[in-house]
Amino acid sequence: MGFDSIWHWLLLLVIVLLVFGTRKIGNIGSDLGNAVRGFKKAMHGEDDEKSKDAQQGKEQLRADPPAASSANASTQDQRDSHESK
């Protein structure tokens, strides 16, 4: 007696739903998905650290020029004020 018939599978599904309930089955699915995501993050952890370091370096470079621009702008404002006098 094997599980060749669709009726056997449906009966097994009904029994599993009665024993575990739909909430627990849904939680099992989400827990399994979280586990897979965590595994993928662990596998790519070194790559992520390198990319984060590179991105922080780029952000630092982006932050520096505007500060210099504001200093240049204040110098330009001082020149303008001297010229108008």
PDB file of N, CA and C in Angstrom:
ATOM      1  N   MET A   1       0.845  -1.179   0.000  1.00  0.00           N
ATOM      2  CA  MET A   1       0.000   0.000   0.000  1.00  0.00           C
ATOM      3  C   MET A   1       0.889   1.240   0.000  1.00  0.00           C
ATOM      4  N   GLY A   2       1.030   1.871  -1.128  1.00  0.00           N
ATOM      5  CA  GLY A   2       1.836   3.065  -1.252  1.00  0.00           C
ATOM      6  C   GLY A   2       0.962   4.303  -1.341  1.00  0.00           C
ATOM      7  N   PHE A   3       1.600   5.434  -1.437  1.00  0.00           N
ATOM      8  CA  PHE A   3       0.876   6.690  -1.551  1.00  0.00           C
ATOM      9  C   PHE A   3       0.784   7.087  -3.016  1.00  0.00           C
ATOM     10  N   ASP A   4       0.195   6.216  -3.799  1.00  0.00           N
ATOM     11  CA  ASP A   4       0.066   6.459  -5.226  1.00  0.00           C
ATOM     12  C   ASP A   4      -1.189   7.251  -5.568  1.00  0.00           C
ATOM     13  N   SER A   5      -2.193   7.170  -4.758  1.00  0.00           N
ATOM     14  CA  SER A   5      -3.478   7.791  -5.053  1.00  0.00           C
ATOM     15  C   SER A   5      -3.537   9.219  -4.501  1.00  0.00           C
ATOM     16  N   ILE A   6      -4.269  10.072  -5.180  1.00  0.00           N
ATOM     17  CA  ILE A   6      -4.463  11.446  -4.723  1.00  0.00           C
ATOM     18  C   ILE A   6      -5.228  11.465  -3.408  1.00  0.00           C
ATOM     19  N   TRP A   7      -6.081  10.485  -3.190  1.00  0.00           N
ATOM     20  CA  TRP A   7      -6.873  10.434  -1.970  1.00  0.00           C
ATOM     21  C   TRP A   7      -5.986  10.202  -0.751  1.00  0.00           C
ATOM     22  N   HIS A   8      -4.943   9.429  -0.914  1.00  0.00           N
ATOM     23  CA  HIS A   8      -4.010   9.218   0.193  1.00  0.00           C
ATOM     24  C   HIS A   8      -3.317  10.540   0.563  1.00  0.00           C
ATOM     25  N   TRP A   9      -2.907  11.293  -0.441  1.00  0.00           N
ATOM     26  CA  TRP A   9      -2.234  12.570  -0.196  1.00  0.00           C
ATOM     27  C   TRP A   9      -3.181  13.578   0.436  1.00  0.00           C
ATOM     28  N   LEU A  10      -4.425  13.632  -0.026  1.00  0.00           N
ATOM     29  CA  LEU A  10      -5.401  14.543   0.560  1.00  0.00           C
ATOM     30  C   LEU A  10      -5.701  14.183   2.009  1.00  0.00           C
ATOM     31  N   LEU A  11      -5.825  12.893   2.309  1.00  0.00           N
ATOM     32  CA  LEU A  11      -6.061  12.453   3.673  1.00  0.00           C
ATOM     33  C   LEU A  11      -4.874  12.826   4.565  1.00  0.00           C
ATOM     34  N   LEU A  12      -3.672  12.644   4.075  1.00  0.00           N
ATOM     35  CA  LEU A  12      -2.478  13.010   4.834  1.00  0.00           C
ATOM     36  C   LEU A  12      -2.437  14.519   5.078  1.00  0.00           C
ATOM     37  N   LEU A  13      -2.788  15.321   4.081  1.00  0.00           N
ATOM     38  CA  LEU A  13      -2.820  16.771   4.224  1.00  0.00           C
ATOM     39  C   LEU A  13      -3.840  17.206   5.276  1.00  0.00           C
ATOM     40  N   VAL A  14      -5.014  16.599   5.272  1.00  0.00           N
ATOM     41  CA  VAL A  14      -6.047  16.927   6.259  1.00  0.00           C
ATOM     42  C   VAL A  14      -5.560  16.583   7.666  1.00  0.00           C
ATOM     43  N   ILE A  15      -4.917  15.442   7.826  1.00  0.00           N
ATOM     44  CA  ILE A  15      -4.411  15.035   9.144  1.00  0.00           C
ATOM     45  C   ILE A  15      -3.335  16.005   9.631  1.00  0.00           C
ATOM     46  N   VAL A  16      -2.428  16.404   8.734  1.00  0.00           N
ATOM     47  CA  VAL A  16      -1.373  17.343   9.105  1.00  0.00           C
ATOM     48  C   VAL A  16      -1.978  18.681   9.509  1.00  0.00           C
ATOM     49  N   LEU A  17      -2.975  19.159   8.774  1.00  0.00           N
ATOM     50  CA  LEU A  17      -3.630  20.418   9.120  1.00  0.00           C
ATOM     51  C   LEU A  17      -4.347  20.333  10.459  1.00  0.00           C
ATOM     52  N   LEU A  18      -4.953  19.193  10.746  1.00  0.00           N
ATOM     53  CA  LEU A  18      -5.636  19.034  12.023  1.00  0.00           C
ATOM     54  C   LEU A  18      -4.645  18.982  13.186  1.00  0.00           C
ATOM     55  N   VAL A  19      -3.525  18.334  12.982  1.00  0.00           N
ATOM     56  CA  VAL A  19      -2.545  18.195  14.058  1.00  0.00           C
ATOM     57  C   VAL A  19      -1.814  19.511  14.307  1.00  0.00           C
ATOM     58  N   PHE A  20      -1.318  20.129  13.264  1.00  0.00           N
ATOM     59  CA  PHE A  20      -0.491  21.318  13.433  1.00  0.00           C
ATOM     60  C   PHE A  20      -1.260  22.629  13.330  1.00  0.00           C
ATOM     61  N   GLY A  21      -2.315  22.666  12.595  1.00  0.00           N
ATOM     62  CA  GLY A  21      -3.051  23.909  12.401  1.00  0.00           C
ATOM     63  C   GLY A  21      -2.380  24.769  11.342  1.00  0.00           C
ATOM     64  N   THR A  22      -3.113  25.713  10.808  1.00  0.00           N
ATOM     65  CA  THR A  22      -2.585  26.525   9.717  1.00  0.00           C
ATOM     66  C   THR A  22      -1.561  27.540  10.205  1.00  0.00           C
ATOM     67  N   ARG A  23      -1.700  28.025  11.443  1.00  0.00           N
ATOM     68  CA  ARG A  23      -0.741  29.003  11.963  1.00  0.00           C
ATOM     69  C   ARG A  23       0.654  28.420  12.076  1.00  0.00           C
ATOM     70  N   LYS A  24       0.723  27.250  12.640  1.00  0.00           N
ATOM     71  CA  LYS A  24       2.047  26.637  12.823  1.00  0.00           C
ATOM     72  C   LYS A  24       2.697  26.326  11.480  1.00  0.00           C
ATOM     73  N   ILE A  25       1.916  25.905  10.524  1.00  0.00           N
ATOM     74  CA  ILE A  25       2.467  25.609   9.205  1.00  0.00           C
ATOM     75  C   ILE A  25       2.963  26.894   8.553  1.00  0.00           C
ATOM     76  N   GLY A  26       2.213  27.983   8.692  1.00  0.00           N
ATOM     77  CA  GLY A  26       2.660  29.276   8.171  1.00  0.00           C
ATOM     78  C   GLY A  26       3.916  29.757   8.857  1.00  0.00           C
ATOM     79  N   ASN A  27       4.009  29.550  10.164  1.00  0.00           N
ATOM     80  CA  ASN A  27       5.213  29.939  10.898  1.00  0.00           C
ATOM     81  C   ASN A  27       6.421  29.121  10.467  1.00  0.00           C
ATOM     82  N   ILE A  28       6.201  27.864  10.182  1.00  0.00           N
ATOM     83  CA  ILE A  28       7.303  27.019   9.718  1.00  0.00           C
ATOM     84  C   ILE A  28       7.843  27.557   8.403  1.00  0.00           C
ATOM     85  N   GLY A  29       6.940  27.967   7.512  1.00  0.00           N
ATOM     86  CA  GLY A  29       7.367  28.526   6.220  1.00  0.00           C
ATOM     87  C   GLY A  29       8.158  29.807   6.387  1.00  0.00           C
ATOM     88  N   SER A  30       7.704  30.712   7.246  1.00  0.00           N
ATOM     89  CA  SER A  30       8.431  31.971   7.442  1.00  0.00           C
ATOM     90  C   SER A  30       9.754  31.733   8.162  1.00  0.00           C
ATOM     91  N   ASP A  31       9.780  30.806   9.110  1.00  0.00           N
ATOM     92  CA  ASP A  31      11.036  30.481   9.792  1.00  0.00           C
ATOM     93  C   ASP A  31      12.047  29.885   8.821  1.00  0.00           C
ATOM     94  N   LEU A  32      11.569  29.053   7.923  1.00  0.00           N
ATOM     95  CA  LEU A  32      12.458  28.460   6.924  1.00  0.00           C
ATOM     96  C   LEU A  32      12.998  29.536   5.991  1.00  0.00           C
ATOM     97  N   GLY A  33      12.163  30.482   5.597  1.00  0.00           N
ATOM     98  CA  GLY A  33      12.611  31.588   4.748  1.00  0.00           C
ATOM     99  C   GLY A  33      13.647  32.451   5.446  1.00  0.00           C
ATOM    100  N   ASN A  34      13.436  32.749   6.730  1.00  0.00           N
ATOM    101  CA  ASN A  34      14.418  33.526   7.491  1.00  0.00           C
ATOM    102  C   ASN A  34      15.740  32.783   7.618  1.00  0.00           C
ATOM    103  N   ALA A  35      15.669  31.476   7.789  1.00  0.00           N
ATOM    104  CA  ALA A  35      16.886  30.683   7.888  1.00  0.00           C
ATOM    105  C   ALA A  35      17.675  30.721   6.581  1.00  0.00           C
ATOM    106  N   VAL A  36      16.986  30.642   5.471  1.00  0.00           N
ATOM    107  CA  VAL A  36      17.655  30.687   4.161  1.00  0.00           C
ATOM    108  C   VAL A  36      18.287  32.057   3.937  1.00  0.00           C
ATOM    109  N   ARG A  37      17.582  33.143   4.303  1.00  0.00           N
ATOM    110  CA  ARG A  37      18.144  34.487   4.175  1.00  0.00           C
ATOM    111  C   ARG A  37      19.378  34.665   5.045  1.00  0.00           C
ATOM    112  N   GLY A  38      19.309  34.151   6.273  1.00  0.00           N
ATOM    113  CA  GLY A  38      20.461  34.235   7.169  1.00  0.00           C
ATOM    114  C   GLY A  38      21.649  33.471   6.621  1.00  0.00           C
ATOM    115  N   PHE A  39      21.406  32.317   6.021  1.00  0.00           N
ATOM    116  CA  PHE A  39      22.478  31.528   5.423  1.00  0.00           C
ATOM    117  C   PHE A  39      23.116  32.274   4.261  1.00  0.00           C
ATOM    118  N   LYS A  40      22.288  32.900   3.429  1.00  0.00           N
ATOM    119  CA  LYS A  40      22.823  33.655   2.289  1.00  0.00           C
ATOM    120  C   LYS A  40      23.653  34.840   2.761  1.00  0.00           C
ATOM    121  N   LYS A  41      23.196  35.528   3.812  1.00  0.00           N
ATOM    122  CA  LYS A  41      23.959  36.653   4.352  1.00  0.00           C
ATOM    123  C   LYS A  41      25.297  36.185   4.893  1.00  0.00           C
ATOM    124  N   ALA A  42      25.301  35.036   5.558  1.00  0.00           N
ATOM    125  CA  ALA A  42      26.544  34.506   6.105  1.00  0.00           C
ATOM    126  C   ALA A  42      27.513  34.114   4.994  1.00  0.00           C
ATOM    127  N   MET A  43      26.988  33.607   3.897  1.00  0.00           N
ATOM    128  CA  MET A  43      27.844  33.201   2.782  1.00  0.00           C
ATOM    129  C   MET A  43      28.462  34.412   2.088  1.00  0.00           C
ATOM    130  N   HIS A  44      27.762  35.529   2.054  1.00  0.00           N
ATOM    131  CA  HIS A  44      28.236  36.735   1.378  1.00  0.00           C
ATOM    132  C   HIS A  44      28.705  37.791   2.367  1.00  0.00           C
ATOM    133  N   GLY A  45      28.984  37.405   3.594  1.00  0.00           N
ATOM    134  CA  GLY A  45      29.357  38.352   4.635  1.00  0.00           C
ATOM    135  C   GLY A  45      30.619  39.119   4.322  1.00  0.00           C
ATOM    136  N   GLU A  46      31.651  38.458   3.829  1.00  0.00           N
ATOM    137  CA  GLU A  46      32.912  39.134   3.519  1.00  0.00           C
ATOM    138  C   GLU A  46      32.729  40.114   2.377  1.00  0.00           C
ATOM    139  N   ASP A  47      31.962  39.746   1.379  1.00  0.00           N
ATOM    140  CA  ASP A  47      31.711  40.643   0.251  1.00  0.00           C
ATOM    141  C   ASP A  47      30.960  41.882   0.715  1.00  0.00           C
ATOM    142  N   ASP A  48      29.993  41.687   1.623  1.00  0.00           N
ATOM    143  CA  ASP A  48      29.220  42.820   2.121  1.00  0.00           C
ATOM    144  C   ASP A  48      30.095  43.786   2.904  1.00  0.00           C
ATOM    145  N   GLU A  49      31.018  43.257   3.715  1.00  0.00           N
ATOM    146  CA  GLU A  49      31.902  44.126   4.487  1.00  0.00           C
ATOM    147  C   GLU A  49      32.794  44.954   3.568  1.00  0.00           C
ATOM    148  N   LYS A  50      33.307  44.335   2.521  1.00  0.00           N
ATOM    149  CA  LYS A  50      34.160  45.060   1.580  1.00  0.00           C
ATOM    150  C   LYS A  50      33.366  46.143   0.858  1.00  0.00           C
ATOM    151  N   SER A  51      32.149  45.816   0.447  1.00  0.00           N
ATOM    152  CA  SER A  51      31.338  46.805  -0.265  1.00  0.00           C
ATOM    153  C   SER A  51      30.913  47.935   0.668  1.00  0.00           C
ATOM    154  N   LYS A  52      30.673  47.625   1.946  1.00  0.00           N
ATOM    155  CA  LYS A  52      30.321  48.673   2.903  1.00  0.00           C
ATOM    156  C   LYS A  52      31.492  49.618   3.117  1.00  0.00           C
ATOM    157  N   ASP A  53      32.703  49.052   3.214  1.00  0.00           N
ATOM    158  CA  ASP A  53      33.885  49.905   3.384  1.00  0.00           C
ATOM    159  C   ASP A  53      34.071  50.812   2.174  1.00  0.00           C
ATOM    160  N   ALA A  54      33.897  50.262   0.983  1.00  0.00           N
ATOM    161  CA  ALA A  54      34.043  51.053  -0.236  1.00  0.00           C
ATOM    162  C   ALA A  54      32.974  52.142  -0.301  1.00  0.00           C
ATOM    163  N   GLN A  55      31.748  51.800   0.088  1.00  0.00           N
ATOM    164  CA  GLN A  55      30.663  52.776   0.048  1.00  0.00           C
ATOM    165  C   GLN A  55      30.893  53.883   1.075  1.00  0.00           C
ATOM    166  N   GLN A  56      31.419  53.531   2.250  1.00  0.00           N
ATOM    167  CA  GLN A  56      31.703  54.555   3.251  1.00  0.00           C
ATOM    168  C   GLN A  56      32.802  55.488   2.759  1.00  0.00           C
ATOM    169  N   GLY A  57      33.791  54.942   2.053  1.00  0.00           N
ATOM    170  CA  GLY A  57      34.842  55.777   1.483  1.00  0.00           C
ATOM    171  C   GLY A  57      34.283  56.746   0.458  1.00  0.00           C
ATOM    172  N   LYS A  58      33.352  56.273  -0.378  1.00  0.00           N
ATOM    173  CA  LYS A  58      32.727  57.132  -1.375  1.00  0.00           C
ATOM    174  C   LYS A  58      31.895  58.218  -0.712  1.00  0.00           C
ATOM    175  N   GLU A  59      31.170  57.851   0.353  1.00  0.00           N
ATOM    176  CA  GLU A  59      30.361  58.837   1.055  1.00  0.00           C
ATOM    177  C   GLU A  59      31.244  59.896   1.709  1.00  0.00           C
ATOM    178  N   GLN A  60      32.396  59.473   2.209  1.00  0.00           N
ATOM    179  CA  GLN A  60      33.320  60.415   2.820  1.00  0.00           C
ATOM    180  C   GLN A  60      33.835  61.400   1.776  1.00  0.00           C
ATOM    181  N   LEU A  61      34.133  60.892   0.582  1.00  0.00           N
ATOM    182  CA  LEU A  61      34.591  61.773  -0.489  1.00  0.00           C
ATOM    183  C   LEU A  61      33.495  62.738  -0.913  1.00  0.00           C
ATOM    184  N   ARG A  62      32.258  62.259  -0.920  1.00  0.00           N
ATOM    185  CA  ARG A  62      31.148  63.124  -1.291  1.00  0.00           C
ATOM    186  C   ARG A  62      30.934  64.215  -0.237  1.00  0.00           C
ATOM    187  N   ALA A  63      31.174  63.878   1.014  1.00  0.00           N
ATOM    188  CA  ALA A  63      30.935  64.836   2.098  1.00  0.00           C
ATOM    189  C   ALA A  63      31.998  65.927   2.124  1.00  0.00           C
ATOM    190  N   ASP A  64      33.213  65.611   1.732  1.00  0.00           N
ATOM    191  CA  ASP A  64      34.296  66.583   1.804  1.00  0.00           C
ATOM    192  C   ASP A  64      34.155  67.736   0.805  1.00  0.00           C
ATOM    193  N   PRO A  65      33.877  67.527  -0.472  1.00  0.00           N
ATOM    194  CA  PRO A  65      33.792  68.647  -1.416  1.00  0.00           C
ATOM    195  C   PRO A  65      32.752  69.706  -1.064  1.00  0.00           C
ATOM    196  N   PRO A  66      31.550  69.365  -0.596  1.00  0.00           N
ATOM    197  CA  PRO A  66      30.609  70.434  -0.264  1.00  0.00           C
ATOM    198  C   PRO A  66      31.124  71.332   0.858  1.00  0.00           C
ATOM    199  N   ALA A  67      31.879  70.772   1.793  1.00  0.00           N
ATOM    200  CA  ALA A  67      32.427  71.604   2.859  1.00  0.00           C
ATOM    201  C   ALA A  67      33.414  72.603   2.268  1.00  0.00           C
ATOM    202  N   ALA A  68      34.213  72.151   1.312  1.00  0.00           N
ATOM    203  CA  ALA A  68      35.152  73.040   0.654  1.00  0.00           C
ATOM    204  C   ALA A  68      34.395  74.076  -0.182  1.00  0.00           C
ATOM    205  N   SER A  69      33.316  73.690  -0.784  1.00  0.00           N
ATOM    206  CA  SER A  69      32.519  74.606  -1.591  1.00  0.00           C
ATOM    207  C   SER A  69      31.920  75.701  -0.728  1.00  0.00           C
ATOM    208  N   SER A  70      31.468  75.351   0.455  1.00  0.00           N
ATOM    209  CA  SER A  70      30.898  76.372   1.327  1.00  0.00           C
ATOM    210  C   SER A  70      31.971  77.343   1.793  1.00  0.00           C
ATOM    211  N   ALA A  71      33.199  76.832   1.986  1.00  0.00           N
ATOM    212  CA  ALA A  71      34.298  77.726   2.355  1.00  0.00           C
ATOM    213  C   ALA A  71      34.601  78.675   1.194  1.00  0.00           C
ATOM    214  N   ASN A  72      34.577  78.160  -0.017  1.00  0.00           N
ATOM    215  CA  ASN A  72      34.797  78.997  -1.196  1.00  0.00           C
ATOM    216  C   ASN A  72      33.678  80.010  -1.354  1.00  0.00           C
ATOM    217  N   ALA A  73      32.474  79.611  -1.043  1.00  0.00           N
ATOM    218  CA  ALA A  73      31.338  80.517  -1.163  1.00  0.00           C
ATOM    219  C   ALA A  73      31.464  81.656  -0.159  1.00  0.00           C
ATOM    220  N   SER A  74      31.905  81.342   1.059  1.00  0.00           N
ATOM    221  CA  SER A  74      32.062  82.409   2.049  1.00  0.00           C
ATOM    222  C   SER A  74      33.186  83.348   1.639  1.00  0.00           C
ATOM    223  N   THR A  75      34.245  82.795   1.032  1.00  0.00           N
ATOM    224  CA  THR A  75      35.327  83.641   0.533  1.00  0.00           C
ATOM    225  C   THR A  75      34.809  84.538  -0.583  1.00  0.00           C
ATOM    226  N   GLN A  76      33.972  83.996  -1.457  1.00  0.00           N
ATOM    227  CA  GLN A  76      33.392  84.773  -2.545  1.00  0.00           C
ATOM    228  C   GLN A  76      32.493  85.869  -1.989  1.00  0.00           C
ATOM    229  N   ASP A  77      31.728  85.565  -0.928  1.00  0.00           N
ATOM    230  CA  ASP A  77      30.867  86.566  -0.299  1.00  0.00           C
ATOM    231  C   ASP A  77      31.722  87.697   0.278  1.00  0.00           C
ATOM    232  N   GLN A  78      32.853  87.357   0.862  1.00  0.00           N
ATOM    233  CA  GLN A  78      33.730  88.384   1.421  1.00  0.00           C
ATOM    234  C   GLN A  78      34.281  89.272   0.322  1.00  0.00           C
ATOM    235  N   ARG A  79      34.647  88.676  -0.813  1.00  0.00           N
ATOM    236  CA  ARG A  79      35.149  89.462  -1.944  1.00  0.00           C
ATOM    237  C   ARG A  79      34.081  90.427  -2.450  1.00  0.00           C
ATOM    238  N   ASP A  80      32.847  89.889  -2.562  1.00  0.00           N
ATOM    239  CA  ASP A  80      31.742  90.707  -3.054  1.00  0.00           C
ATOM    240  C   ASP A  80      31.476  91.886  -2.111  1.00  0.00           C
ATOM    241  N   SER A  81      31.574  91.626  -0.822  1.00  0.00           N
ATOM    242  CA  SER A  81      31.299  92.705   0.125  1.00  0.00           C
ATOM    243  C   SER A  81      32.387  93.769   0.072  1.00  0.00           C
ATOM    244  N   HIS A  82      33.649  93.346  -0.173  1.00  0.00           N
ATOM    245  CA  HIS A  82      34.731  94.307  -0.297  1.00  0.00           C
ATOM    246  C   HIS A  82      34.614  95.130  -1.595  1.00  0.00           C
ATOM    247  N   GLU A  83      34.151  94.491  -2.662  1.00  0.00           N
ATOM    248  CA  GLU A  83      34.010  95.176  -3.925  1.00  0.00           C
ATOM    249  C   GLU A  83      32.875  96.206  -3.884  1.00  0.00           C
ATOM    250  N   SER A  84      31.825  95.904  -3.139  1.00  0.00           N
ATOM    251  CA  SER A  84      30.695  96.818  -3.088  1.00  0.00           C
ATOM    252  C   SER A  84      30.988  98.045  -2.218  1.00  0.00           C
ATOM    253  N   LYS A  85      31.990  97.970  -1.383  1.00  0.00           N
ATOM    254  CA  LYS A  85      32.321  99.121  -0.504  1.00  0.00           C
ATOM    255  C   LYS A  85      33.064 100.154  -1.200  1.00  0.00           C
TER     256      LYS A  85
END
